């Protein structure tokens, strides 16, 4: 099945419910989408101007999220929470030049089932980056990531396919997860990053 984002219904039922389909944003990513948007992509899309959203859900196969030169996609809860990128499908990709966390976020969650290639620069000074889901998240591209926070691999595989794909204050890998280095014959440098496993 497919995973939907959840909301807390504080009415009479007081329970967690799946986010209704009509609550997803499917419009243009041109800087005018509401910052609380939960974006649903089932086909390719392009970020044409700096854009802030709450979450991005990519659903399907071969879905590409691209971006104009210099654009930044900020994925943030808007507070001391977590921004989220969810991938459900194979052969999907994100190549927006920069993906950033919000200033107060404590975590950026990349929940990947299937496969997702991210060639963007990942940037954060407050939010740790967490890879969840059973699939493969591949960090590729020509430019090094710039986040200064921790990396957690809690499930599935995180593939470092560029130099400085993994930066920051350290990497923690769960016993149910894997870190893979893929230098395509030329080797990979992950920098001076401590590694730990749980």
Protein backbone atom coordinates (compact mmCIF):
# COMPACT_ATOMS: atom_id res chain seq x y z
CA UNK A 1 0.00 0.00 0.00
CA UNK A 2 0.90 3.64 -0.01
CA UNK A 3 1.90 5.66 3.00
CA UNK A 4 -0.01 8.85 3.66
CA UNK A 5 1.00 11.67 5.92
CA UNK A 6 -0.97 11.87 9.13
CA UNK A 7 -2.75 14.60 11.04
CA UNK A 8 -3.99 14.78 14.59
CA UNK A 9 -7.77 15.14 14.78
CA UNK A 10 -8.39 17.01 18.02
CA UNK A 11 -12.16 16.92 17.66
CA UNK A 12 -14.43 14.38 19.29
CA UNK A 13 -12.37 11.44 17.94
CA UNK A 14 -9.01 12.76 19.23
CA UNK A 15 -6.97 10.39 17.08
CA UNK A 16 -4.33 10.28 14.37
CA UNK A 17 -5.81 10.00 10.88
CA UNK A 18 -4.43 9.77 7.35
CA UNK A 19 -4.18 13.15 5.67
CA UNK A 20 -7.18 13.44 3.31
CA UNK A 21 -6.25 13.44 -0.41
CA UNK A 22 -7.68 16.94 -0.83
CA UNK A 23 -5.20 18.22 1.76
CA UNK A 24 -2.20 17.63 -0.51
CA UNK A 25 -0.84 20.52 -2.57
CA UNK A 26 -0.39 19.72 -6.27
CA UNK A 27 0.11 23.24 -7.67
CA UNK A 28 3.26 24.94 -8.98
CA UNK A 29 6.42 25.26 -6.88
CA UNK A 30 7.09 28.85 -7.88
CA UNK A 31 7.52 30.46 -4.48
CA UNK A 32 3.80 31.04 -4.01
CA UNK A 33 2.75 27.71 -2.50
CA UNK A 34 1.70 28.02 1.16
CA UNK A 35 4.60 27.25 3.51
CA UNK A 36 2.43 24.67 5.28
CA UNK A 37 1.93 22.71 2.04
CA UNK A 38 2.23 18.94 1.96
CA UNK A 39 3.27 18.56 -1.68
CA UNK A 40 2.22 15.43 -3.59
CA UNK A 41 4.13 14.65 -6.81
CA UNK A 42 2.95 11.88 -9.14
CA UNK A 43 4.66 13.39 -12.20
CA UNK A 44 7.72 15.54 -12.79
CA UNK A 45 7.82 19.07 -11.39
CA UNK A 46 10.22 22.02 -11.38
CA UNK A 47 10.99 24.46 -8.57
CA UNK A 48 11.16 27.81 -10.38
CA UNK A 49 11.78 30.06 -7.35
CA UNK A 50 12.81 29.55 -3.72
CA UNK A 51 10.01 27.60 -2.06
CA UNK A 52 9.24 26.55 1.53
CA UNK A 53 6.93 23.58 2.22
CA UNK A 54 6.07 21.30 5.14
CA UNK A 55 6.59 17.97 3.33
CA UNK A 56 7.13 16.44 -0.11
CA UNK A 57 5.62 13.07 -1.07
CA UNK A 58 6.85 11.50 -4.33
CA UNK A 59 4.59 8.69 -5.50
CA UNK A 60 5.18 6.68 -8.69
CA UNK A 61 8.09 5.60 -10.89
CA UNK A 62 10.53 7.85 -12.71
CA UNK A 63 9.23 11.03 -11.03
CA UNK A 64 11.79 13.87 -11.22
CA UNK A 65 11.75 17.00 -9.06
CA UNK A 66 14.08 19.53 -10.67
CA UNK A 67 14.90 23.17 -9.97
CA UNK A 68 16.04 26.28 -11.76
CA UNK A 69 19.65 27.39 -11.20
CA UNK A 70 20.21 28.61 -7.65
CA UNK A 71 16.80 27.62 -6.28
CA UNK A 72 16.36 26.41 -2.71
CA UNK A 73 13.62 24.06 -1.55
CA UNK A 74 13.20 24.44 2.22
CA UNK A 75 11.36 21.55 3.86
CA UNK A 76 10.35 22.51 7.38
CA UNK A 77 7.75 21.93 10.04
CA UNK A 78 7.77 25.66 10.71
CA UNK A 79 8.86 25.08 14.30
CA UNK A 80 10.99 22.78 16.41
CA UNK A 81 9.78 19.69 14.57
CA UNK A 82 10.80 17.83 11.42
CA UNK A 83 10.52 18.43 7.71
CA UNK A 84 9.82 15.29 5.67
CA UNK A 85 10.49 13.94 2.19
CA UNK A 86 8.69 10.67 1.44
CA UNK A 87 9.45 8.51 -1.62
CA UNK A 88 7.14 5.72 -2.74
CA UNK A 89 8.38 4.21 -5.99
CA UNK A 90 11.49 3.41 -8.00
CA UNK A 91 13.75 5.47 -10.20
CA UNK A 92 12.70 8.79 -8.69
CA UNK A 93 15.04 11.77 -8.37
CA UNK A 94 15.46 15.22 -6.83
CA UNK A 95 17.88 17.66 -8.43
CA UNK A 96 16.74 21.01 -6.99
CA UNK A 97 20.08 22.81 -6.45
CA UNK A 98 19.68 23.00 -2.64
CA UNK A 99 17.40 21.30 -0.12
CA UNK A 100 17.47 23.10 3.22
CA UNK A 101 15.91 22.62 6.63
CA UNK A 102 14.03 25.31 8.51
CA UNK A 103 15.94 27.29 11.11
CA UNK A 104 14.20 25.74 14.14
CA UNK A 105 13.78 22.17 12.85
CA UNK A 106 15.51 19.44 14.83
CA UNK A 107 15.27 16.76 12.13
CA UNK A 108 14.90 16.27 8.37
CA UNK A 109 13.39 12.87 7.62
CA UNK A 110 13.94 11.19 4.25
CA UNK A 111 11.59 8.21 4.22
CA UNK A 112 12.45 6.14 1.15
CA UNK A 113 10.70 3.02 -0.05
CA UNK A 114 11.90 1.98 -3.51
CA UNK A 115 14.72 4.21 -4.75
CA UNK A 116 15.43 7.93 -4.73
CA UNK A 117 18.49 9.71 -6.13
CA UNK A 118 19.14 13.14 -4.58
CA UNK A 119 21.78 15.20 -6.39
CA UNK A 120 20.89 18.39 -4.48
CA UNK A 121 23.13 19.99 -1.89
CA UNK A 122 21.71 19.14 1.56
CA UNK A 123 22.03 22.11 3.90
CA UNK A 124 21.26 22.50 7.61
CA UNK A 125 22.75 23.96 10.76
CA UNK A 126 20.11 22.72 13.24
CA UNK A 127 18.34 19.64 11.84
CA UNK A 128 19.85 16.16 11.80
CA UNK A 129 19.26 14.16 8.59
CA UNK A 130 17.53 10.81 9.11
CA UNK A 131 17.18 8.12 6.43
CA UNK A 132 14.18 5.86 7.08
CA UNK A 133 12.24 3.39 4.94
CA UNK A 134 13.38 0.10 3.46
CA UNK A 135 14.59 1.50 0.13
CA UNK A 136 17.80 3.06 -1.20
CA UNK A 137 18.54 6.78 -0.84
CA UNK A 138 21.42 7.72 -3.14
CA UNK A 139 23.25 10.99 -2.49
CA UNK A 140 24.92 12.01 -5.76
CA UNK A 141 25.72 15.13 -7.76
CA UNK A 142 28.70 17.38 -8.38
CA UNK A 143 28.56 19.57 -5.26
CA UNK A 144 29.33 18.56 -1.67
CA UNK A 145 26.63 18.63 0.97
CA UNK A 146 27.05 21.44 3.50
CA UNK A 147 25.03 20.39 6.55
CA UNK A 148 26.86 20.56 9.87
CA UNK A 149 24.55 18.24 11.82
CA UNK A 150 24.33 14.48 12.43
CA UNK A 151 23.28 11.76 9.98
CA UNK A 152 21.17 8.79 11.10
CA UNK A 153 20.54 5.72 8.94
CA UNK A 154 17.72 3.93 10.71
CA UNK A 155 16.43 1.68 7.90
CA UNK A 156 17.27 0.59 4.36
CA UNK A 157 20.39 1.79 2.56
CA UNK A 158 22.05 5.18 2.32
CA UNK A 159 24.38 5.27 -0.68
CA UNK A 160 27.11 7.92 -0.76
CA UNK A 161 27.82 8.45 -4.45
CA UNK A 162 29.80 11.70 -4.29
CA UNK A 163 32.62 13.12 -2.22
CA UNK A 164 31.32 14.77 0.95
CA UNK A 165 27.89 13.20 0.52
CA UNK A 166 28.08 12.60 4.25
CA UNK A 167 29.35 15.55 6.27
CA UNK A 168 28.49 17.05 9.62
CA UNK A 169 29.03 15.82 13.13
CA UNK A 170 28.80 12.05 12.69
CA UNK A 171 26.90 9.09 11.26
CA UNK A 172 24.91 6.56 13.28
CA UNK A 173 23.81 3.39 11.47
CA UNK A 174 21.14 1.09 12.88
CA UNK A 175 21.76 -2.67 12.80
CA UNK A 176 18.80 -2.92 10.39
CA UNK A 177 20.36 -0.44 7.95
CA UNK A 178 23.40 -0.07 5.69
CA UNK A 179 25.75 2.64 4.47
CA UNK A 180 27.14 2.00 0.98
CA UNK A 181 29.98 3.89 -0.72
CA UNK A 182 29.72 4.03 -4.53
CA UNK A 183 32.60 5.92 -6.11
CA UNK A 184 32.17 4.37 -9.56
CA UNK A 185 35.78 3.23 -9.53
CA UNK A 186 37.26 6.52 -8.31
CA UNK A 187 36.68 6.20 -4.58
CA UNK A 188 34.62 8.28 -2.16
CA UNK A 189 35.79 10.68 0.53
CA UNK A 190 33.32 11.13 3.36
CA UNK A 191 35.48 13.57 5.29
CA UNK A 192 36.37 13.56 8.96
CA UNK A 193 33.03 12.11 10.09
CA UNK A 194 32.81 9.69 13.04
CA UNK A 195 30.88 6.47 12.33
CA UNK A 196 28.83 4.58 14.91
CA UNK A 197 26.35 1.75 14.82
CA UNK A 198 23.44 0.77 17.04
